């Protein structure tokens, strides 16, 4: 395997991990209630945060890795033979690492 292919796979792995981490951070962060606030976040505000986060991160990562933030989407594309099994496994591991990194903070 040539070095530029290895670098491309590593770059897509890092982009998927970081974008998954940011998606969890922004999405779950939108549901936080502040201690001195009387109101909790509405369904509309949480939905808009998830939607804007997904759109923003998809635009950033589409040119590097395709912008799959969900392991279920990646597995479905692998089952449909749109994505190779090796790349799908790499992306699923990247998603799990990105989600776990956010959970550690």
Protein backbone atom coordinates (compact mmCIF):
# COMPACT_ATOMS: atom_id res chain seq x y z
CA UNK A 1 0.00 0.00 0.00
CA UNK A 2 1.33 3.40 -0.90
CA UNK A 3 1.91 6.03 1.75
CA UNK A 4 -0.61 8.53 0.35
CA UNK A 5 -3.40 5.95 0.73
CA UNK A 6 -2.40 5.34 4.34
CA UNK A 7 -2.38 9.09 5.02
CA UNK A 8 -5.81 9.46 3.40
CA UNK A 9 -7.27 6.66 5.53
CA UNK A 10 -5.70 8.09 8.69
CA UNK A 11 -6.99 11.59 7.87
CA UNK A 12 -10.51 10.30 7.30
CA UNK A 13 -10.29 8.35 10.58
CA UNK A 14 -9.27 11.48 12.48
CA UNK A 15 -11.94 13.62 10.79
CA UNK A 16 -14.67 11.09 11.61
CA UNK A 17 -13.52 10.86 15.24
CA UNK A 18 -13.40 14.62 15.74
CA UNK A 19 -16.72 15.23 14.00
CA UNK A 20 -18.43 12.48 15.99
CA UNK A 21 -17.04 13.98 19.18
CA UNK A 22 -18.25 17.47 18.23
CA UNK A 23 -21.66 16.15 17.21
CA UNK A 24 -22.13 14.52 20.62
CA UNK A 25 -20.78 17.62 22.37
CA UNK A 26 -23.08 20.06 20.58
CA UNK A 27 -26.12 17.82 20.56
CA UNK A 28 -26.00 16.73 24.17
CA UNK A 29 -24.82 20.16 25.28
CA UNK A 30 -28.02 21.65 23.90
CA UNK A 31 -30.06 19.70 26.47
CA UNK A 32 -28.28 21.09 29.53
CA UNK A 33 -30.37 23.07 31.97
CA UNK A 34 -28.59 25.79 33.90
CA UNK A 35 -28.92 25.80 37.69
CA UNK A 36 -30.43 29.28 38.02
CA UNK A 37 -32.73 29.13 35.01
CA UNK A 38 -36.42 28.42 35.41
CA UNK A 39 -36.86 27.13 31.88
CA UNK A 40 -35.54 23.96 30.37
CA UNK A 41 -34.54 23.67 26.72
CA UNK A 42 -37.44 23.19 24.36
CA UNK A 43 -37.79 20.40 21.85
CA UNK A 44 -37.39 22.95 19.07
CA UNK A 45 -34.10 24.32 20.38
CA UNK A 46 -32.63 20.84 20.85
CA UNK A 47 -33.77 19.79 17.38
CA UNK A 48 -32.29 22.91 15.81
CA UNK A 49 -28.98 22.35 17.60
CA UNK A 50 -28.77 18.76 16.35
CA UNK A 51 -29.75 19.81 12.83
CA UNK A 52 -27.31 22.71 12.61
CA UNK A 53 -24.52 20.62 14.12
CA UNK A 54 -25.11 17.82 11.64
CA UNK A 55 -25.22 20.24 8.69
CA UNK A 56 -22.12 22.13 9.77
CA UNK A 57 -20.05 19.03 10.47
CA UNK A 58 -21.22 17.35 7.27
CA UNK A 59 -20.06 20.34 5.23
CA UNK A 60 -16.68 20.21 6.94
CA UNK A 61 -16.07 16.48 6.65
CA UNK A 62 -17.73 15.56 3.36
CA UNK A 63 -14.61 16.17 1.29
CA UNK A 64 -12.40 14.10 3.63
CA UNK A 65 -14.45 11.09 4.64
CA UNK A 66 -18.02 11.34 3.40
CA UNK A 67 -19.52 12.73 6.58
CA UNK A 68 -20.91 9.64 8.29
CA UNK A 69 -21.40 10.43 11.99
CA UNK A 70 -23.53 7.45 12.84
CA UNK A 71 -22.25 3.86 12.99
CA UNK A 72 -25.67 2.64 11.85
CA UNK A 73 -25.42 4.68 8.65
CA UNK A 74 -21.92 3.38 8.04
CA UNK A 75 -23.02 -0.22 8.63
CA UNK A 76 -25.97 0.24 6.28
CA UNK A 77 -23.70 1.58 3.54
CA UNK A 78 -21.35 -1.36 4.06
CA UNK A 79 -24.26 -3.81 3.86
CA UNK A 80 -25.41 -2.11 0.67
CA UNK A 81 -21.86 -2.50 -0.76
CA UNK A 82 -21.57 1.28 -1.20
CA UNK A 83 -18.69 1.39 1.27
CA UNK A 84 -15.98 -1.22 1.58
CA UNK A 85 -16.00 -3.41 4.68
CA UNK A 86 -12.51 -2.33 5.77
CA UNK A 87 -13.31 1.36 5.49
CA UNK A 88 -16.66 0.85 7.22
CA UNK A 89 -14.99 -0.92 10.12
CA UNK A 90 -12.42 1.88 10.35
CA UNK A 91 -15.22 4.49 10.41
CA UNK A 92 -17.22 2.61 13.03
CA UNK A 93 -14.18 2.43 15.29
CA UNK A 94 -13.63 6.17 14.69
CA UNK A 95 -17.24 6.92 15.66
CA UNK A 96 -16.96 4.91 18.84
CA UNK A 97 -13.65 6.56 19.77
CA UNK A 98 -15.08 10.02 19.08
CA UNK A 99 -18.14 9.37 21.22
CA UNK A 100 -16.04 7.92 24.02
CA UNK A 101 -13.64 10.87 23.96
CA UNK A 102 -16.55 13.23 24.47
CA UNK A 103 -17.92 11.09 27.29
CA UNK A 104 -14.58 11.28 29.12
CA UNK A 105 -14.66 15.08 29.33
